[in-house]
Amino acid sequence: MKFRIISLCSIAVILLLNGCTVHIDPPLFDIDNSNIKQFQGKLPIAVIVPQKADDEYFIEYADPDKSTGKAKVYVDLNEMYSNAKKLIERQLSNHNVPVSQSAEKYLKFTITQIQWEVWAMGFVMGSYLEFDIETGDGYCSHYRVQNQSGHHIERAVGGTVSRAVEKIFRDDNIIEYIKKDS
């Protein structure tokens, strides 16, 4: 009986997603501070994100071979960048690092790819975010993070920004750059 219910629900979710176009507004989620390294810095830091990004960014299905009939999902990159900037600045402020858009030191955050997929027979949506983080002293790193939601693809995609910021503040090179007094 349970198997039939699960199968019917899975089929319903897949049918609902087939051929649909979904425009998502990524919610802002808090950071899990247990994943953040401790740091402080005296010099102000600017947080730089692209301006006037794509407001209809197509989120690819993670496995292109299985994407036939899947929903077409779009997100406003400006919202993704706004959320990332807020979370990065919040972490800097929480660690007593001054934030100033005119600072010489900076952290530059750039999204390079967003993907999604269906997990657990349609009961969970997964999302992947690839991004670059660059410091003013020339350090650059590329990361891929993932998030999931049992509620909606919107929450899965929105949560990847929080995972990205957590990843940034676990990077020893970023932490050392923030701590530098010159």
N, C-alpha and C. Protein backbone atom coordinates (compact mmCIF):
# COMPACT_ATOMS: atom_id res chain seq x y z
N MET A 1 0.82 -1.20 0.00
CA MET A 1 0.00 0.00 0.00
C MET A 1 0.87 1.26 0.00
N LYS A 2 1.88 1.29 0.88
CA LYS A 2 2.78 2.45 0.94
C LYS A 2 3.46 2.67 -0.40
N PHE A 3 3.88 1.58 -1.02
CA PHE A 3 4.58 1.69 -2.29
C PHE A 3 3.67 2.31 -3.35
N ARG A 4 2.40 1.93 -3.37
CA ARG A 4 1.46 2.51 -4.34
C ARG A 4 1.28 4.01 -4.12
N ILE A 5 1.16 4.41 -2.87
CA ILE A 5 0.99 5.84 -2.55
C ILE A 5 2.23 6.62 -2.98
N ILE A 6 3.40 6.08 -2.65
CA ILE A 6 4.65 6.74 -3.03
C ILE A 6 4.76 6.81 -4.54
N SER A 7 4.42 5.74 -5.22
CA SER A 7 4.48 5.74 -6.69
C SER A 7 3.53 6.76 -7.29
N LEU A 8 2.30 6.81 -6.78
CA LEU A 8 1.33 7.78 -7.29
C LEU A 8 1.77 9.22 -7.05
N CYS A 9 2.31 9.47 -5.87
CA CYS A 9 2.80 10.83 -5.57
C CYS A 9 3.97 11.20 -6.48
N SER A 10 4.86 10.25 -6.70
CA SER A 10 6.01 10.51 -7.57
C SER A 10 5.56 10.82 -8.98
N ILE A 11 4.62 10.04 -9.48
CA ILE A 11 4.10 10.27 -10.83
C ILE A 11 3.43 11.63 -10.91
N ALA A 12 2.67 12.00 -9.88
CA ALA A 12 1.99 13.30 -9.86
C ALA A 12 3.00 14.45 -9.92
N VAL A 13 4.07 14.35 -9.13
CA VAL A 13 5.09 15.40 -9.12
C VAL A 13 5.75 15.51 -10.48
N ILE A 14 6.10 14.38 -11.06
CA ILE A 14 6.77 14.39 -12.36
C ILE A 14 5.84 14.97 -13.43
N LEU A 15 4.57 14.60 -13.40
CA LEU A 15 3.61 15.13 -14.36
C LEU A 15 3.43 16.64 -14.20
N LEU A 16 3.43 17.10 -12.96
CA LEU A 16 3.29 18.54 -12.72
C LEU A 16 4.49 19.32 -13.24
N LEU A 17 5.67 18.70 -13.18
CA LEU A 17 6.87 19.40 -13.61
C LEU A 17 7.09 19.31 -15.12
N ASN A 18 6.49 18.35 -15.78
CA ASN A 18 6.72 18.19 -17.22
C ASN A 18 6.26 19.40 -18.00
N GLY A 19 7.20 19.97 -18.74
CA GLY A 19 6.87 21.04 -19.66
C GLY A 19 6.55 22.38 -19.02
N CYS A 20 6.56 22.48 -17.72
CA CYS A 20 6.23 23.74 -17.05
C CYS A 20 7.41 24.70 -17.12
N THR A 21 7.10 25.97 -17.04
CA THR A 21 8.13 26.98 -16.87
C THR A 21 7.94 27.57 -15.48
N VAL A 22 9.01 27.55 -14.71
CA VAL A 22 8.96 28.01 -13.33
C VAL A 22 9.95 29.17 -13.17
N HIS A 23 9.45 30.29 -12.68
CA HIS A 23 10.29 31.44 -12.36
C HIS A 23 10.37 31.51 -10.84
N ILE A 24 11.57 31.36 -10.31
CA ILE A 24 11.68 31.31 -8.85
C ILE A 24 12.30 32.58 -8.29
N ASP A 25 11.88 32.88 -7.09
CA ASP A 25 12.42 34.00 -6.32
C ASP A 25 13.16 33.38 -5.14
N PRO A 26 14.50 33.34 -5.19
CA PRO A 26 15.25 32.60 -4.17
C PRO A 26 15.15 33.26 -2.79
N PRO A 27 14.67 32.51 -1.80
CA PRO A 27 14.59 33.07 -0.45
C PRO A 27 15.98 33.19 0.17
N LEU A 28 16.09 34.07 1.14
CA LEU A 28 17.33 34.28 1.88
C LEU A 28 17.29 33.42 3.13
N PHE A 29 18.28 32.56 3.30
CA PHE A 29 18.37 31.70 4.47
C PHE A 29 19.59 32.09 5.29
N ASP A 30 19.49 31.90 6.60
CA ASP A 30 20.62 32.17 7.49
C ASP A 30 21.74 31.16 7.27
N ILE A 31 22.89 31.52 7.78
CA ILE A 31 24.08 30.68 7.70
C ILE A 31 24.14 29.81 8.95
N ASP A 32 24.65 28.60 8.79
CA ASP A 32 24.94 27.74 9.93
C ASP A 32 26.30 28.17 10.48
N ASN A 33 26.29 28.94 11.55
CA ASN A 33 27.53 29.51 12.08
C ASN A 33 28.50 28.47 12.62
N SER A 34 28.04 27.25 12.86
CA SER A 34 28.97 26.21 13.31
C SER A 34 29.92 25.82 12.18
N ASN A 35 29.58 26.18 10.95
CA ASN A 35 30.43 25.88 9.79
C ASN A 35 31.40 27.00 9.46
N ILE A 36 31.39 28.08 10.24
CA ILE A 36 32.21 29.25 9.94
C ILE A 36 33.43 29.27 10.87
N LYS A 37 34.60 29.54 10.29
CA LYS A 37 35.82 29.66 11.10
C LYS A 37 35.79 31.00 11.83
N GLN A 38 36.47 31.08 12.96
CA GLN A 38 36.57 32.32 13.71
C GLN A 38 37.64 33.21 13.08
N PHE A 39 37.34 34.51 12.99
CA PHE A 39 38.28 35.47 12.42
C PHE A 39 37.88 36.86 12.86
N GLN A 40 38.82 37.78 12.70
CA GLN A 40 38.59 39.21 12.88
C GLN A 40 39.52 39.95 11.94
N GLY A 41 39.15 41.15 11.59
CA GLY A 41 40.00 41.97 10.74
C GLY A 41 39.81 43.43 11.06
N LYS A 42 40.86 44.20 10.89
CA LYS A 42 40.80 45.63 11.22
C LYS A 42 40.49 46.50 10.00
N LEU A 43 40.97 46.08 8.84
CA LEU A 43 40.78 46.89 7.64
C LEU A 43 39.42 46.61 7.01
N PRO A 44 38.78 47.66 6.47
CA PRO A 44 37.47 47.46 5.83
C PRO A 44 37.59 46.62 4.55
N ILE A 45 36.51 45.93 4.25
CA ILE A 45 36.45 45.08 3.06
C ILE A 45 35.19 45.44 2.28
N ALA A 46 35.34 45.50 0.97
CA ALA A 46 34.20 45.69 0.07
C ALA A 46 33.76 44.32 -0.44
N VAL A 47 32.47 44.14 -0.55
CA VAL A 47 31.92 42.90 -1.13
C VAL A 47 31.40 43.27 -2.52
N ILE A 48 31.96 42.63 -3.53
CA ILE A 48 31.64 42.95 -4.92
C ILE A 48 30.90 41.79 -5.56
N VAL A 49 29.75 42.10 -6.14
CA VAL A 49 28.99 41.14 -6.94
C VAL A 49 28.62 41.82 -8.25
N PRO A 50 28.39 41.05 -9.30
CA PRO A 50 28.00 41.66 -10.58
C PRO A 50 26.71 42.48 -10.45
N GLN A 51 26.67 43.58 -11.15
CA GLN A 51 25.49 44.44 -11.19
C GLN A 51 24.74 44.19 -12.49
N LYS A 52 23.44 44.35 -12.45
CA LYS A 52 22.58 44.19 -13.63
C LYS A 52 22.82 42.85 -14.31
N ALA A 53 22.75 41.78 -13.49
CA ALA A 53 22.92 40.42 -14.00
C ALA A 53 21.63 39.98 -14.71
N ASP A 54 21.67 38.80 -15.25
CA ASP A 54 20.53 38.22 -15.98
C ASP A 54 19.34 38.05 -15.04
N ASP A 55 18.20 38.64 -15.39
CA ASP A 55 17.02 38.50 -14.53
C ASP A 55 16.17 37.30 -14.91
N GLU A 56 16.56 36.60 -15.97
CA GLU A 56 15.88 35.36 -16.39
C GLU A 56 16.94 34.31 -16.69
N TYR A 57 17.72 33.95 -15.67
CA TYR A 57 18.80 32.99 -15.83
C TYR A 57 18.21 31.58 -15.86
N PHE A 58 18.50 30.83 -16.92
CA PHE A 58 18.01 29.47 -17.06
C PHE A 58 18.84 28.53 -16.19
N ILE A 59 18.18 27.81 -15.30
CA ILE A 59 18.86 26.83 -14.45
C ILE A 59 18.80 25.49 -15.16
N GLU A 60 19.96 24.97 -15.51
CA GLU A 60 20.03 23.72 -16.25
C GLU A 60 19.65 22.53 -15.37
N TYR A 61 19.12 21.50 -15.98
CA TYR A 61 18.91 20.25 -15.27
C TYR A 61 20.27 19.57 -15.17
N ALA A 62 20.59 19.02 -14.01
CA ALA A 62 21.94 18.51 -13.73
C ALA A 62 22.38 17.41 -14.69
N ASP A 63 21.48 16.56 -15.11
CA ASP A 63 21.82 15.49 -16.05
C ASP A 63 21.10 15.76 -17.37
N PRO A 64 21.79 16.36 -18.34
CA PRO A 64 21.12 16.73 -19.59
C PRO A 64 20.46 15.56 -20.31
N ASP A 65 20.97 14.35 -20.11
CA ASP A 65 20.38 13.18 -20.77
C ASP A 65 19.00 12.86 -20.22
N LYS A 66 18.70 13.32 -19.00
CA LYS A 66 17.41 13.04 -18.37
C LYS A 66 16.49 14.27 -18.35
N SER A 67 16.87 15.32 -19.05
CA SER A 67 16.12 16.57 -18.94
C SER A 67 14.90 16.65 -19.84
N THR A 68 14.70 15.70 -20.72
CA THR A 68 13.57 15.75 -21.63
C THR A 68 12.26 15.79 -20.85
N GLY A 69 11.47 16.81 -21.09
CA GLY A 69 10.17 16.92 -20.43
C GLY A 69 10.21 17.57 -19.06
N LYS A 70 11.37 17.90 -18.54
CA LYS A 70 11.46 18.51 -17.21
C LYS A 70 11.06 19.99 -17.31
N ALA A 71 10.70 20.53 -16.18
CA ALA A 71 10.33 21.94 -16.12
C ALA A 71 11.51 22.82 -16.52
N LYS A 72 11.21 23.94 -17.11
CA LYS A 72 12.22 24.95 -17.40
C LYS A 72 12.21 25.91 -16.22
N VAL A 73 13.34 25.98 -15.52
CA VAL A 73 13.42 26.76 -14.29
C VAL A 73 14.32 27.97 -14.53
N TYR A 74 13.82 29.14 -14.13
CA TYR A 74 14.56 30.40 -14.27
C TYR A 74 14.64 31.09 -12.92
N VAL A 75 15.75 31.82 -12.72
CA VAL A 75 15.92 32.59 -11.49
C VAL A 75 16.50 33.96 -11.84
N ASP A 76 16.19 34.93 -11.03
CA ASP A 76 16.75 36.27 -11.18
C ASP A 76 18.12 36.28 -10.50
N LEU A 77 19.19 36.33 -11.30
CA LEU A 77 20.55 36.33 -10.74
C LEU A 77 20.79 37.54 -9.84
N ASN A 78 20.11 38.64 -10.11
CA ASN A 78 20.27 39.82 -9.27
C ASN A 78 19.88 39.51 -7.83
N GLU A 79 18.81 38.72 -7.65
CA GLU A 79 18.39 38.31 -6.30
C GLU A 79 19.41 37.37 -5.67
N MET A 80 19.94 36.47 -6.46
CA MET A 80 20.97 35.55 -5.94
C MET A 80 22.18 36.35 -5.46
N TYR A 81 22.61 37.31 -6.28
CA TYR A 81 23.75 38.14 -5.90
C TYR A 81 23.43 39.03 -4.69
N SER A 82 22.24 39.56 -4.64
CA SER A 82 21.84 40.39 -3.50
C SER A 82 21.88 39.56 -2.21
N ASN A 83 21.36 38.34 -2.26
CA ASN A 83 21.39 37.47 -1.09
C ASN A 83 22.81 37.13 -0.68
N ALA A 84 23.67 36.83 -1.66
CA ALA A 84 25.06 36.50 -1.35
C ALA A 84 25.77 37.69 -0.70
N LYS A 85 25.57 38.86 -1.26
CA LYS A 85 26.21 40.06 -0.72
C LYS A 85 25.76 40.31 0.72
N LYS A 86 24.45 40.20 0.97
CA LYS A 86 23.93 40.40 2.33
C LYS A 86 24.55 39.42 3.31
N LEU A 87 24.63 38.15 2.91
CA LEU A 87 25.15 37.13 3.82
C LEU A 87 26.65 37.30 4.06
N ILE A 88 27.41 37.63 3.03
CA ILE A 88 28.86 37.85 3.20
C ILE A 88 29.09 39.06 4.10
N GLU A 89 28.39 40.16 3.82
CA GLU A 89 28.56 41.36 4.65
C GLU A 89 28.13 41.11 6.09
N ARG A 90 27.07 40.34 6.28
CA ARG A 90 26.61 40.01 7.63
C ARG A 90 27.67 39.22 8.39
N GLN A 91 28.31 38.27 7.70
CA GLN A 91 29.36 37.49 8.37
C GLN A 91 30.56 38.37 8.73
N LEU A 92 30.94 39.24 7.82
CA LEU A 92 32.06 40.15 8.12
C LEU A 92 31.71 41.03 9.32
N SER A 93 30.53 41.61 9.32
CA SER A 93 30.11 42.47 10.44
C SER A 93 30.03 41.69 11.75
N ASN A 94 29.50 40.47 11.68
CA ASN A 94 29.40 39.63 12.89
C ASN A 94 30.76 39.29 13.47
N HIS A 95 31.80 39.37 12.64
CA HIS A 95 33.16 39.08 13.10
C HIS A 95 33.99 40.37 13.24
N ASN A 96 33.28 41.47 13.40
CA ASN A 96 33.90 42.78 13.66
C ASN A 96 34.83 43.25 12.55
N VAL A 97 34.53 42.89 11.32
CA VAL A 97 35.29 43.37 10.17
C VAL A 97 34.48 44.49 9.54
N PRO A 98 35.07 45.69 9.43
CA PRO A 98 34.34 46.80 8.80
C PRO A 98 34.03 46.50 7.33
N VAL A 99 32.84 46.90 6.89
CA VAL A 99 32.42 46.72 5.50
C VAL A 99 32.25 48.11 4.89
N SER A 100 32.90 48.32 3.74
CA SER A 100 32.81 49.61 3.05
C SER A 100 32.96 49.38 1.56
N GLN A 101 32.04 49.90 0.78
CA GLN A 101 32.10 49.73 -0.67
C GLN A 101 33.29 50.45 -1.29
N SER A 102 33.91 51.37 -0.56
CA SER A 102 35.07 52.09 -1.10
C SER A 102 36.40 51.52 -0.59
N ALA A 103 36.35 50.40 0.09
CA ALA A 103 37.57 49.79 0.64
C ALA A 103 38.47 49.26 -0.47
N GLU A 104 39.78 49.28 -0.20
CA GLU A 104 40.74 48.73 -1.15
C GLU A 104 40.71 47.20 -1.14
N LYS A 105 40.55 46.62 0.05
CA LYS A 105 40.43 45.17 0.16
C LYS A 105 39.03 44.77 -0.28
N TYR A 106 38.94 43.63 -0.98
CA TYR A 106 37.62 43.21 -1.41
C TYR A 106 37.51 41.70 -1.53
N LEU A 107 36.27 41.24 -1.48
CA LEU A 107 35.90 39.87 -1.83
C LEU A 107 34.93 39.99 -3.00
N LYS A 108 35.25 39.30 -4.09
CA LYS A 108 34.41 39.35 -5.29
C LYS A 108 33.77 37.98 -5.49
N PHE A 109 32.44 37.95 -5.53
CA PHE A 109 31.65 36.72 -5.65
C PHE A 109 30.98 36.68 -7.02
N THR A 110 31.21 35.60 -7.78
CA THR A 110 30.63 35.47 -9.11
C THR A 110 30.06 34.06 -9.30
N ILE A 111 28.80 33.98 -9.66
CA ILE A 111 28.16 32.70 -9.95
C ILE A 111 28.54 32.28 -11.37
N THR A 112 28.95 31.02 -11.52
CA THR A 112 29.31 30.53 -12.84
C THR A 112 28.29 29.54 -13.40
N GLN A 113 27.54 28.84 -12.52
CA GLN A 113 26.52 27.91 -13.01
C GLN A 113 25.57 27.53 -11.87
N ILE A 114 24.30 27.32 -12.23
CA ILE A 114 23.31 26.81 -11.30
C ILE A 114 22.62 25.64 -11.99
N GLN A 115 22.43 24.54 -11.27
CA GLN A 115 21.75 23.37 -11.80
C GLN A 115 20.73 22.87 -10.79
N TRP A 116 19.80 22.05 -11.25
CA TRP A 116 18.83 21.43 -10.35
C TRP A 116 18.55 20.01 -10.80
N GLU A 117 17.95 19.22 -9.91
CA GLU A 117 17.51 17.88 -10.27
C GLU A 117 16.50 17.38 -9.23
N VAL A 118 15.82 16.32 -9.61
CA VAL A 118 14.83 15.70 -8.73
C VAL A 118 15.49 14.54 -8.01
N TRP A 119 15.32 14.50 -6.69
CA TRP A 119 15.85 13.40 -5.88
C TRP A 119 14.69 12.67 -5.22
N ALA A 120 14.94 11.49 -4.73
CA ALA A 120 13.99 10.70 -3.93
C ALA A 120 12.63 10.58 -4.61
N MET A 121 12.65 10.19 -5.87
CA MET A 121 11.43 9.98 -6.65
C MET A 121 10.50 11.19 -6.64
N GLY A 122 11.07 12.38 -6.62
CA GLY A 122 10.26 13.59 -6.71
C GLY A 122 9.90 14.22 -5.38
N PHE A 123 10.31 13.61 -4.29
CA PHE A 123 9.98 14.16 -2.97
C PHE A 123 10.98 15.22 -2.52
N VAL A 124 12.14 15.27 -3.17
CA VAL A 124 13.17 16.23 -2.80
C VAL A 124 13.73 16.86 -4.07
N MET A 125 13.90 18.17 -4.04
CA MET A 125 14.54 18.89 -5.14
C MET A 125 15.96 19.23 -4.71
N GLY A 126 16.90 18.98 -5.60
CA GLY A 126 18.29 19.30 -5.32
C GLY A 126 18.76 20.41 -6.22
N SER A 127 19.73 21.19 -5.74
CA SER A 127 20.28 22.27 -6.53
C SER A 127 21.79 22.36 -6.29
N TYR A 128 22.50 22.77 -7.33
CA TYR A 128 23.95 22.95 -7.28
C TYR A 128 24.27 24.37 -7.71
N LEU A 129 25.25 24.96 -7.04
CA LEU A 129 25.72 26.31 -7.38
C LEU A 129 27.22 26.26 -7.52
N GLU A 130 27.71 26.70 -8.66
CA GLU A 130 29.16 26.84 -8.86
C GLU A 130 29.47 28.32 -8.85
N PHE A 131 30.55 28.68 -8.16
CA PHE A 131 30.89 30.09 -8.04
C PHE A 131 32.40 30.27 -7.88
N ASP A 132 32.84 31.49 -8.16
CA ASP A 132 34.23 31.91 -7.94
C ASP A 132 34.24 32.93 -6.82
N ILE A 133 35.25 32.86 -6.00
CA ILE A 133 35.49 33.88 -4.97
C ILE A 133 36.91 34.38 -5.18
N GLU A 134 37.05 35.69 -5.22
CA GLU A 134 38.34 36.32 -5.50
C GLU A 134 38.62 37.37 -4.45
N THR A 135 39.90 37.47 -4.05
CA THR A 135 40.30 38.49 -3.09
C THR A 135 41.12 39.56 -3.80
N GLY A 136 41.29 40.68 -3.12
CA GLY A 136 42.03 41.80 -3.69
C GLY A 136 43.51 41.53 -3.88
N ASP A 137 44.03 40.47 -3.24
CA ASP A 137 45.46 40.16 -3.41
C ASP A 137 45.71 39.09 -4.47
N GLY A 138 44.67 38.77 -5.26
CA GLY A 138 44.86 37.87 -6.40
C GLY A 138 44.46 36.42 -6.17
N TYR A 139 44.08 36.05 -4.95
CA TYR A 139 43.64 34.68 -4.71
C TYR A 139 42.27 34.47 -5.34
N CYS A 140 42.10 33.34 -6.03
CA CYS A 140 40.81 33.02 -6.64
C CYS A 140 40.57 31.53 -6.48
N SER A 141 39.35 31.18 -6.12
CA SER A 141 39.00 29.77 -5.97
C SER A 141 37.62 29.52 -6.56
N HIS A 142 37.45 28.32 -7.10
CA HIS A 142 36.18 27.91 -7.70
C HIS A 142 35.58 26.81 -6.82
N TYR A 143 34.30 26.93 -6.51
CA TYR A 143 33.63 25.95 -5.65
C TYR A 143 32.31 25.50 -6.27
N ARG A 144 31.86 24.34 -5.83
CA ARG A 144 30.53 23.81 -6.17
C ARG A 144 29.89 23.37 -4.86
N VAL A 145 28.71 23.88 -4.58
CA VAL A 145 27.97 23.51 -3.38
C VAL A 145 26.60 22.98 -3.79
N GLN A 146 25.96 22.28 -2.87
CA GLN A 146 24.62 21.75 -3.15
C GLN A 146 23.70 22.01 -1.98
N ASN A 147 22.43 21.99 -2.27
CA ASN A 147 21.39 22.14 -1.25
C ASN A 147 20.17 21.37 -1.73
N GLN A 148 19.26 21.08 -0.82
CA GLN A 148 18.06 20.36 -1.19
C GLN A 148 16.88 20.85 -0.37
N SER A 149 15.69 20.57 -0.88
CA SER A 149 14.47 20.93 -0.18
C SER A 149 13.38 19.93 -0.51
N GLY A 150 12.64 19.56 0.49
CA GLY A 150 11.48 18.71 0.28
C GLY A 150 10.24 19.52 -0.05
N HIS A 151 10.38 20.84 -0.08
CA HIS A 151 9.23 21.71 -0.32
C HIS A 151 9.14 22.17 -1.77
N HIS A 152 10.22 22.76 -2.27
CA HIS A 152 10.13 23.39 -3.59
C HIS A 152 11.54 23.67 -4.11
N ILE A 153 11.68 23.73 -5.42
CA ILE A 153 12.96 24.03 -6.05
C ILE A 153 13.47 25.41 -5.64
N GLU A 154 12.55 26.34 -5.39
CA GLU A 154 12.91 27.69 -4.97
C GLU A 154 13.77 27.66 -3.70
N ARG A 155 13.37 26.84 -2.74
CA ARG A 155 14.11 26.74 -1.48
C ARG A 155 15.46 26.05 -1.69
N ALA A 156 15.50 25.07 -2.57
CA ALA A 156 16.77 24.38 -2.84
C ALA A 156 17.77 25.34 -3.47
N VAL A 157 17.32 26.11 -4.45
CA VAL A 157 18.22 27.07 -5.12
C VAL A 157 18.63 28.18 -4.15
N GLY A 158 17.67 28.75 -3.42
CA GLY A 158 17.98 29.80 -2.47
C GLY A 158 18.98 29.37 -1.42
N GLY A 159 18.87 28.14 -0.97
CA GLY A 159 19.78 27.63 0.05
C GLY A 159 21.20 27.44 -0.42
N THR A 160 21.41 27.32 -1.74
CA THR A 160 22.78 27.15 -2.22
C THR A 160 23.62 28.39 -1.94
N VAL A 161 22.99 29.55 -1.88
CA VAL A 161 23.74 30.78 -1.58
C VAL A 161 24.29 30.71 -0.15
N SER A 162 23.48 30.23 0.77
CA SER A 162 23.95 30.07 2.16
C SER A 162 25.09 29.08 2.22
N ARG A 163 24.97 27.96 1.49
CA ARG A 163 26.05 26.97 1.48
C ARG A 163 27.32 27.57 0.88
N ALA A 164 27.17 28.43 -0.14
CA ALA A 164 28.33 29.07 -0.76
C ALA A 164 29.04 29.98 0.23
N VAL A 165 28.28 30.78 0.97
CA VAL A 165 28.90 31.70 1.93
C VAL A 165 29.58 30.92 3.06
N GLU A 166 28.98 29.83 3.48
CA GLU A 166 29.63 28.97 4.48
C GLU A 166 30.97 28.46 3.94
N LYS A 167 30.99 28.06 2.67
CA LYS A 167 32.21 27.55 2.04
C LYS A 167 33.28 28.64 1.99
N ILE A 168 32.87 29.86 1.67
CA ILE A 168 33.82 30.98 1.61
C ILE A 168 34.52 31.17 2.95
N PHE A 169 33.75 31.14 4.02
CA PHE A 169 34.32 31.42 5.33
C PHE A 169 34.91 30.19 6.02
N ARG A 170 35.08 29.12 5.26
CA ARG A 170 35.87 27.96 5.71
C ARG A 170 37.19 27.90 4.94
N ASP A 171 37.37 28.77 3.97
CA ASP A 171 38.57 28.79 3.14
C ASP A 171 39.69 29.52 3.91
N ASP A 172 40.75 28.79 4.22
CA ASP A 172 41.86 29.36 5.00
C ASP A 172 42.49 30.58 4.33
N ASN A 173 42.58 30.57 3.00
CA ASN A 173 43.17 31.70 2.28
C ASN A 173 42.31 32.96 2.43
N ILE A 174 40.98 32.79 2.41
CA ILE A 174 40.07 33.93 2.59
C ILE A 174 40.21 34.48 4.00
N ILE A 175 40.24 33.58 4.98
CA ILE A 175 40.35 34.00 6.38
C ILE A 175 41.66 34.75 6.61
N GLU A 176 42.74 34.24 6.07
CA GLU A 176 44.04 34.93 6.22
C GLU A 176 44.03 36.29 5.55
N TYR A 177 43.39 36.41 4.40
CA TYR A 177 43.29 37.68 3.70
C TYR A 177 42.50 38.69 4.55
N ILE A 178 41.42 38.25 5.15
CA ILE A 178 40.62 39.14 5.99
C ILE A 178 41.42 39.61 7.19
N LYS A 179 42.22 38.74 7.77
CA LYS A 179 43.00 39.05 8.98
C LYS A 179 44.17 40.00 8.70
N LYS A 180 44.68 40.02 7.45
CA LYS A 180 45.85 40.84 7.11
C LYS A 180 45.59 42.32 7.38
N ASP A 181 46.58 42.97 7.93
CA ASP A 181 46.48 44.40 8.23
C ASP A 181 47.05 45.28 7.14
N SER A 182 47.40 44.72 6.03
CA SER A 182 47.94 45.55 4.94
C SER A 182 47.36 45.16 3.61
